[in-house]
Amino acid sequence: MAAAQVIRSEWTKIRSVASTVWTLSLAVVVTIALGMLISALSRNEFDKLSARDRADFDPTFISFAGMSLGQLAMIVFGVLVVSNEYSTGMIRSSLAAVPQRGTFLFSKIAVAAGLALVVGMATSFATFFLGQAMLGGHRAHIGDEGVLRAVIGGGLYMTLIAMFSMGVAAMLRSPMLSLGILMPFFFLISNILGNVDATKKVGQFLPDQAGSKIMQVVTPFDDDTPYGPWGGLGIMALWVLAALAGGYALLKKRDA
């Protein structure tokens, strides 16, 4: 089957699954709503901040506060896109129709990543503008130095989170096992490793810790991270490539 036909087939599959709509919708709603809430609270608390905290105040990054929860919905989307066919048994039919396993996997990932990119970019721009509206006089503007990069980076970050989850799901094949590992890793373990002094030097190279640097405009006074915004996104991209390569290697090796 030609690659274009496989891509069309994967688009039909993804579009016809109800979980695609609700997971992506949840990512949008949670990211925007929480970002607006945190931005409004930050505006009310600004006058109580110390001089140092005001110097570190990053209105752009604050508007992305909802990304920490919104990314969980993107993780679910990435896992379900890949592992649904394993849980339903449809994977046998799919691989019989497309015996070239690399074509099958990367067509699925290309379609899902394209959809995640569109949703991620729309969410990132919406959460920025609505968050800044909540910040009032403390807002940043899209033309300010580093802001457009941060907003575009927010969309790329959401896309890479989804792609990393696709790679992990391709390796593990089970939606429950994939989510059972990814959810606590991103929501709990990564935050602990990235914020505890003893493990901070390791934690800052984890995919979400490194990737989120792209959304930061103001560098905190005590930040000693050895890479910049694009460097952090590059580290995250390497994690994604490793996960996808692992998924492809195991898909090629194993039976359906």
Protein backbone atom coordinates (compact mmCIF):
# COMPACT_ATOMS: atom_id res chain seq x y z
CA MET A 1 0.00 0.00 0.00
CA ALA A 2 1.37 3.44 -0.94
CA ALA A 3 2.38 5.79 1.87
CA ALA A 4 -0.32 8.33 0.89
CA GLN A 5 -3.01 5.65 1.19
CA VAL A 6 -1.68 4.56 4.58
CA ILE A 7 -1.76 8.16 5.81
CA ARG A 8 -5.36 8.55 4.63
CA SER A 9 -6.25 5.30 6.36
CA GLU A 10 -4.63 6.42 9.61
CA TRP A 11 -6.44 9.77 9.44
CA THR A 12 -9.76 7.91 9.07
CA LYS A 13 -8.94 5.71 12.07
CA ILE A 14 -7.93 8.60 14.33
CA ARG A 15 -10.88 10.74 13.30
CA SER A 16 -13.38 7.94 13.93
CA VAL A 17 -12.26 7.24 17.51
CA ALA A 18 -14.21 9.23 20.11
CA SER A 19 -11.25 9.37 22.51
CA THR A 20 -9.34 11.56 20.02
CA VAL A 21 -11.90 14.34 20.31
CA TRP A 22 -12.31 14.27 24.07
CA THR A 23 -8.63 13.99 24.95
CA LEU A 24 -7.62 16.86 22.66
CA SER A 25 -10.59 18.94 23.83
CA LEU A 26 -9.60 18.31 27.44
CA ALA A 27 -6.01 19.40 26.69
CA VAL A 28 -7.31 22.69 25.26
CA VAL A 29 -9.84 23.43 28.01
CA VAL A 30 -7.61 22.52 30.96
CA THR A 31 -4.56 24.39 29.65
CA ILE A 32 -6.49 27.58 28.90
CA ALA A 33 -8.73 27.55 32.00
CA LEU A 34 -5.91 26.87 34.48
CA GLY A 35 -3.65 29.38 32.73
CA MET A 36 -6.31 32.08 33.04
CA LEU A 37 -6.92 31.22 36.71
CA ILE A 38 -3.22 31.32 37.67
CA SER A 39 -2.74 34.54 35.69
CA ALA A 40 -5.64 36.22 37.50
CA LEU A 41 -4.31 35.10 40.89
CA SER A 42 -0.80 36.31 39.97
CA ARG A 43 -2.15 39.76 39.09
CA ASN A 44 -3.86 40.01 42.48
CA GLU A 45 -0.71 38.90 44.33
CA PHE A 46 1.79 41.01 42.36
CA ASP A 47 1.81 43.95 44.78
CA LYS A 48 2.74 41.59 47.65
CA LEU A 49 5.81 40.22 45.87
CA SER A 50 9.33 41.07 47.02
CA ALA A 51 11.61 43.11 44.75
CA ARG A 52 13.48 39.96 43.73
CA ASP A 53 10.27 38.07 42.90
CA ARG A 54 9.09 41.00 40.81
CA ALA A 55 12.37 40.91 38.88
CA ASP A 56 11.78 37.20 38.18
CA PHE A 57 8.11 37.75 37.24
CA ASP A 58 7.49 36.12 33.85
CA PRO A 59 3.96 36.93 32.61
CA THR A 60 4.37 34.73 29.52
CA PHE A 61 5.44 31.66 31.49
CA ILE A 62 2.67 32.25 34.05
CA SER A 63 0.01 32.06 31.32
CA PHE A 64 1.32 28.56 30.50
CA ALA A 65 0.77 27.32 34.08
CA GLY A 66 -2.07 25.10 32.82
CA MET A 67 0.32 23.21 30.57
CA SER A 68 1.31 20.92 33.45
CA LEU A 69 -2.20 19.44 33.49
CA GLY A 70 -3.00 19.95 29.80
CA GLN A 71 0.00 17.83 28.86
CA LEU A 72 -1.55 14.86 30.69
CA ALA A 73 -4.42 14.89 28.18
CA MET A 74 -1.88 15.01 25.34
CA ILE A 75 -0.16 11.97 26.89
CA VAL A 76 -3.47 10.08 26.91
CA PHE A 77 -4.05 11.09 23.27
CA GLY A 78 -0.59 9.88 22.22
CA VAL A 79 -0.95 6.57 24.04
CA LEU A 80 -4.46 5.79 22.75
CA VAL A 81 -3.60 6.65 19.15
CA VAL A 82 -0.95 3.92 19.08
CA SER A 83 -2.15 1.31 21.58
CA ASN A 84 -5.88 1.24 20.80
CA GLU A 85 -5.31 -1.19 17.95
CA TYR A 86 -3.44 -3.56 20.26
CA SER A 87 -6.20 -3.53 22.90
CA THR A 88 -8.93 -4.19 20.30
CA GLY A 89 -6.94 -6.74 18.29
CA MET A 90 -7.18 -4.62 15.12
CA ILE A 91 -3.39 -4.51 14.90
CA ARG A 92 -3.35 -7.87 13.08
CA SER A 93 -5.62 -6.56 10.33
CA SER A 94 -3.64 -3.32 10.08
CA LEU A 95 -0.29 -5.09 9.71
CA ALA A 96 -1.78 -7.54 7.20
CA ALA A 97 -2.95 -4.57 5.12
CA VAL A 98 0.36 -2.70 5.58
CA PRO A 99 3.15 -5.27 6.00
CA GLN A 100 5.82 -2.53 5.86
CA ARG A 101 5.88 -1.87 9.58
CA GLY A 102 7.93 1.31 9.35
CA THR A 103 5.43 2.81 6.91
CA PHE A 104 2.56 1.76 9.17
CA LEU A 105 4.02 3.20 12.37
CA PHE A 106 5.38 6.46 11.00
CA SER A 107 2.22 7.18 8.99
CA LYS A 108 0.23 6.83 12.20
CA ILE A 109 2.67 9.05 14.10
CA ALA A 110 2.80 11.64 11.30
CA VAL A 111 -1.00 12.01 11.23
CA ALA A 112 -1.33 12.11 15.03
CA ALA A 113 1.60 14.51 15.42
CA GLY A 114 0.14 16.83 12.77
CA LEU A 115 -3.16 16.90 14.64
CA ALA A 116 -1.37 17.46 17.97
CA LEU A 117 0.62 20.33 16.40
CA VAL A 118 -2.51 22.12 15.17
CA VAL A 119 -4.25 21.72 18.54
CA GLY A 120 -1.08 22.56 20.47
CA MET A 121 -0.42 25.78 18.54
CA ALA A 122 -4.03 26.93 18.80
CA THR A 123 -4.01 26.18 22.54
CA SER A 124 -0.68 27.92 23.10
CA PHE A 125 -1.71 31.16 21.39
CA ALA A 126 -5.14 31.14 23.06
CA THR A 127 -3.75 30.53 26.54
CA PHE A 128 -1.15 33.28 26.05
CA PHE A 129 -3.61 35.98 24.93
CA LEU A 130 -6.28 35.05 27.49
CA GLY A 131 -3.70 34.73 30.26
CA GLN A 132 -2.27 38.16 29.46
CA ALA A 133 -5.78 39.62 29.52
CA MET A 134 -6.11 38.28 33.08
CA LEU A 135 -2.76 39.83 34.07
CA GLY A 136 -3.95 43.31 33.14
CA GLY A 137 -1.20 45.91 33.55
CA HIS A 138 1.41 43.25 34.24
CA ARG A 139 0.95 41.61 30.86
CA ALA A 140 3.51 40.84 28.17
CA HIS A 141 2.95 41.56 24.48
CA ILE A 142 3.48 39.17 21.59
CA GLY A 143 6.03 41.55 20.09
CA ASP A 144 8.19 41.67 23.24
CA GLU A 145 11.58 39.99 23.02
CA GLY A 146 11.34 36.22 23.38
CA VAL A 147 7.55 36.11 23.69
CA LEU A 148 6.66 34.85 20.21
CA ARG A 149 9.35 32.17 20.55
CA ALA A 150 7.82 31.10 23.86
CA VAL A 151 4.29 30.91 22.45
CA ILE A 152 5.33 28.92 19.38
CA GLY A 153 7.48 26.78 21.68
CA GLY A 154 4.43 26.02 23.81
CA GLY A 155 2.71 24.46 20.80
CA LEU A 156 5.84 22.49 19.91
CA TYR A 157 6.14 21.31 23.51
CA MET A 158 2.61 19.88 23.53
CA THR A 159 3.28 18.14 20.21
CA LEU A 160 6.52 16.58 21.43
CA ILE A 161 4.84 15.35 24.63
CA ALA A 162 2.23 13.55 22.50
CA MET A 163 4.93 12.09 20.20
CA PHE A 164 7.01 10.85 23.13
CA SER A 165 3.90 9.10 24.46
CA MET A 166 3.33 7.51 21.05
CA GLY A 167 6.85 6.09 21.10
CA VAL A 168 6.44 4.68 24.60
CA ALA A 169 3.06 3.17 23.67
CA ALA A 170 4.60 1.57 20.57
CA MET A 171 7.18 -0.09 22.82
CA LEU A 172 4.78 -1.21 25.56
CA ARG A 173 1.67 -1.88 23.37
CA SER A 174 -0.64 -1.72 26.38
CA PRO A 175 -2.62 1.50 27.07
CA MET A 176 -2.88 0.75 30.79
CA LEU A 177 0.82 -0.03 31.18
CA SER A 178 1.86 3.01 29.10
CA LEU A 179 -0.37 5.39 31.08
CA GLY A 180 0.63 3.71 34.33
CA ILE A 181 4.24 4.66 33.63
CA LEU A 182 3.87 8.00 31.86
CA MET A 183 1.31 9.65 34.16
CA PRO A 184 3.26 9.33 37.44
CA PHE A 185 6.54 10.01 35.61
CA PHE A 186 5.45 13.39 34.24
CA PHE A 187 3.08 14.42 37.02
CA LEU A 188 5.15 13.35 40.01
CA ILE A 189 8.60 11.83 39.49
CA SER A 190 9.92 14.40 37.01
CA ASN A 191 8.84 17.32 39.21
CA ILE A 192 10.49 15.79 42.26
CA LEU A 193 13.76 15.05 40.43
CA GLY A 194 13.78 18.51 38.87
CA ASN A 195 13.21 20.40 42.11
CA VAL A 196 15.22 18.48 44.71
CA ASP A 197 18.77 19.80 45.00
CA ALA A 198 20.35 16.32 45.13
CA THR A 199 18.78 15.26 41.80
CA LYS A 200 18.29 18.61 40.07
CA LYS A 201 21.29 18.20 37.75
CA VAL A 202 19.78 14.97 36.44
CA GLY A 203 16.15 16.11 36.52
CA GLN A 204 16.77 19.13 34.30
CA PHE A 205 17.60 16.78 31.42
CA LEU A 206 14.27 14.94 31.57
CA PRO A 207 12.00 15.63 28.56
CA ASP A 208 9.40 17.87 30.21
CA GLN A 209 11.88 19.75 32.41
CA ALA A 210 14.11 20.51 29.42
CA GLY A 211 11.31 21.18 26.95
CA SER A 212 9.40 23.61 29.17
CA LYS A 213 12.42 25.95 29.08
CA ILE A 214 11.23 27.09 25.63
CA MET A 215 8.20 28.78 27.24
CA GLN A 216 10.33 30.84 29.62
CA VAL A 217 11.06 34.47 28.70
CA VAL A 218 12.49 35.79 31.98
CA THR A 219 15.40 33.77 33.34
CA PRO A 220 15.17 33.51 37.16
CA PHE A 221 18.05 35.01 39.13
CA ASP A 222 19.15 31.64 40.58
CA ASP A 223 18.73 29.62 37.35
CA ASP A 224 21.91 27.69 36.55
CA THR A 225 20.48 25.51 33.77
CA PRO A 226 23.30 24.66 31.33
CA TYR A 227 21.14 25.13 28.21
CA GLY A 228 18.88 27.79 26.72
CA PRO A 229 15.27 27.63 25.44
CA TRP A 230 16.07 25.98 22.10
CA GLY A 231 18.69 23.74 23.70
CA GLY A 232 16.03 22.47 26.11
CA LEU A 233 13.60 21.79 23.27
CA GLY A 234 16.41 19.99 21.44
CA ILE A 235 16.98 17.73 24.46
CA MET A 236 13.27 16.95 24.53
CA ALA A 237 13.34 16.17 20.78
CA LEU A 238 16.17 13.67 21.39
CA TRP A 239 14.01 11.90 23.99
CA VAL A 240 11.20 11.75 21.42
CA LEU A 241 13.50 10.33 18.73
CA ALA A 242 14.76 7.69 21.17
CA ALA A 243 11.20 6.66 22.11
CA LEU A 244 10.09 6.45 18.46
CA ALA A 245 13.22 4.50 17.48
CA GLY A 246 12.55 2.07 20.33
CA GLY A 247 8.94 1.70 19.26
CA TYR A 248 9.94 1.01 15.65
CA ALA A 249 12.65 -1.48 16.64
CA LEU A 250 10.25 -3.51 18.79
CA LEU A 251 7.40 -3.33 16.27
CA LYS A 252 9.73 -4.70 13.59
CA LYS A 253 10.98 -7.48 15.87
CA ARG A 254 7.77 -8.70 17.49
CA ASP A 255 4.67 -10.44 16.19
CA ALA A 256 1.40 -8.52 16.27
